[in-house]
Amino acid sequence: MAPTTLSLAGKTAIVTGSGRENGIGAAIALTLARNGARVVINFVSDSSAARAAKVAATIQAVDAQVLVVQADVSTPQGAAKLVNDTLTGFSTDQIDILSPPPLPPSTHPHNPSPKP
């Protein structure tokens, strides 16, 4: 896939759910990277670590900057970890692209019922 004409040089992107090499999140991350963005690959479980590393290797192969962060964004602590690791890892003070935005805990697919 050829990059679009949209330059994302200098932009920082977090792509949640991008830790599976054949998933939509990985494709989004690769597209952002091909257009110049620094990309964070996010995955949740230890069992996905090797797959997330494969996604990162694919992004590195297009000469893009990439970080891999394990964090569960369905919790406030996990979301904070993802943001903090991104800001620190890329030595930046802002995140320009968040794809897809994490759902609030009450609407997260693993927690479909709002808590009282």
Protein backbone atom coordinates (compact mmCIF):
# COMPACT_ATOMS: atom_id res chain seq x y z
CA MET A 1 0.00 0.00 0.00
CA ALA A 2 1.40 3.38 -0.99
CA PRO A 3 1.35 6.18 1.54
CA THR A 4 -1.22 8.88 1.01
CA THR A 5 -0.22 12.47 0.42
CA LEU A 6 -1.03 13.32 4.03
CA SER A 7 2.19 13.99 5.92
CA LEU A 8 2.14 13.00 9.58
CA ALA A 9 5.81 13.82 10.14
CA GLY A 10 6.44 14.75 13.75
CA LYS A 11 3.02 13.51 14.90
CA THR A 12 2.64 10.98 17.70
CA ALA A 13 -0.02 8.29 17.42
CA ILE A 14 -1.35 5.70 19.83
CA VAL A 15 -3.20 2.81 18.22
CA THR A 16 -5.04 0.76 20.82
CA GLY A 17 -5.65 -2.87 19.96
CA SER A 18 -2.83 -2.88 17.43
CA GLY A 19 -0.94 -5.85 18.85
CA ARG A 20 -2.19 -8.45 16.35
CA GLU A 21 -0.23 -8.50 13.10
CA ASN A 22 -3.29 -9.36 11.00
CA GLY A 23 -5.71 -6.98 12.71
CA ILE A 24 -7.24 -3.66 11.74
CA GLY A 25 -5.29 -1.86 14.47
CA ALA A 26 -1.98 -3.08 13.03
CA ALA A 27 -3.02 -1.89 9.56
CA ILE A 28 -3.93 1.53 10.97
CA ALA A 29 -0.59 1.72 12.81
CA LEU A 30 1.36 0.79 9.68
CA THR A 31 -0.51 3.34 7.57
CA LEU A 32 0.17 6.09 10.10
CA ALA A 33 3.85 5.10 10.24
CA ARG A 34 4.18 5.07 6.45
CA ASN A 35 2.91 8.63 6.48
CA GLY A 36 5.55 9.72 9.00
CA ALA A 37 3.91 9.36 12.41
CA ARG A 38 5.67 7.95 15.46
CA VAL A 39 3.45 5.05 16.48
CA VAL A 40 2.69 3.27 19.73
CA ILE A 41 1.55 -0.34 19.46
CA ASN A 42 -0.74 -1.19 22.37
CA PHE A 43 -1.58 -4.68 23.55
CA VAL A 44 -3.12 -6.04 26.73
CA SER A 45 -2.11 -9.60 27.57
CA ASP A 46 1.27 -11.30 27.91
CA SER A 47 0.13 -13.82 25.32
CA SER A 48 0.00 -11.02 22.71
CA ALA A 49 3.52 -9.72 23.33
CA ALA A 50 5.18 -11.67 20.50
CA ARG A 51 2.50 -10.60 18.04
CA ALA A 52 2.88 -6.96 19.08
CA ALA A 53 6.63 -7.27 18.53
CA LYS A 54 5.94 -8.50 14.97
CA VAL A 55 3.78 -5.45 14.31
CA ALA A 56 6.56 -3.22 15.65
CA ALA A 57 9.12 -4.95 13.41
CA THR A 58 6.91 -4.31 10.38
CA ILE A 59 6.74 -0.64 11.29
CA GLN A 60 10.49 -0.43 11.89
CA ALA A 61 10.98 -1.92 8.42
CA VAL A 62 9.46 1.24 6.91
CA ASP A 63 11.95 3.36 8.88
CA ALA A 64 9.38 4.68 11.33
CA GLN A 65 9.68 5.17 15.07
CA VAL A 66 7.65 2.72 17.11
CA LEU A 67 7.08 1.85 20.76
CA VAL A 68 5.30 -1.18 22.14
CA VAL A 69 3.32 -0.64 25.35
CA GLN A 70 1.40 -3.25 27.30
CA ALA A 71 -1.56 -1.58 28.99
CA ASP A 72 -5.26 -2.26 29.49
CA VAL A 73 -6.99 0.96 28.46
CA SER A 74 -10.29 -0.20 29.94
CA THR A 75 -8.91 0.89 33.32
CA PRO A 76 -7.85 4.41 34.32
CA GLN A 77 -4.46 3.07 35.44
CA GLY A 78 -3.88 1.31 32.12
CA ALA A 79 -4.86 4.36 30.10
CA ALA A 80 -2.55 6.54 32.21
CA LYS A 81 0.31 4.08 31.73
CA LEU A 82 -0.19 4.09 27.96
CA VAL A 83 -0.15 7.89 27.81
CA ASN A 84 2.81 8.28 30.18
CA ASP A 85 4.89 5.62 28.42
CA THR A 86 4.13 7.30 25.08
CA LEU A 87 5.10 10.79 26.23
CA THR A 88 8.28 9.52 27.89
CA GLY A 89 9.24 7.08 25.15
CA PHE A 90 8.99 9.65 22.38
CA SER A 91 10.20 12.59 24.51
CA THR A 92 7.15 14.62 23.62
CA ASP A 93 4.50 16.56 25.48
CA GLN A 94 1.51 15.73 23.30
CA ILE A 95 -0.31 12.93 21.55
CA ASP A 96 -1.69 13.95 18.19
CA ILE A 97 -3.57 10.85 17.07
CA LEU A 98 -5.54 8.35 19.14
CA SER A 99 -7.02 5.47 17.17
CA PRO A 100 -9.44 4.19 18.15
CA PRO A 101 -10.28 6.17 21.24
CA PRO A 102 -10.69 3.92 24.28
CA LEU A 103 -14.25 3.34 25.35
CA PRO A 104 -15.34 4.36 28.83
CA PRO A 105 -15.44 1.35 31.15
CA SER A 106 -19.23 1.26 31.13
CA THR A 107 -19.31 0.68 27.35
CA HIS A 108 -16.18 -1.45 26.98
CA PRO A 109 -17.02 -4.82 25.36
CA HIS A 110 -15.44 -6.70 28.29
CA ASN A 111 -17.54 -4.76 30.77
CA PRO A 112 -20.91 -4.18 29.06
CA SER A 113 -22.88 -3.16 32.15
CA PRO A 114 -22.42 0.19 33.86
CA LYS A 115 -21.31 -0.13 37.44
CA PRO A 116 -23.69 1.33 40.03
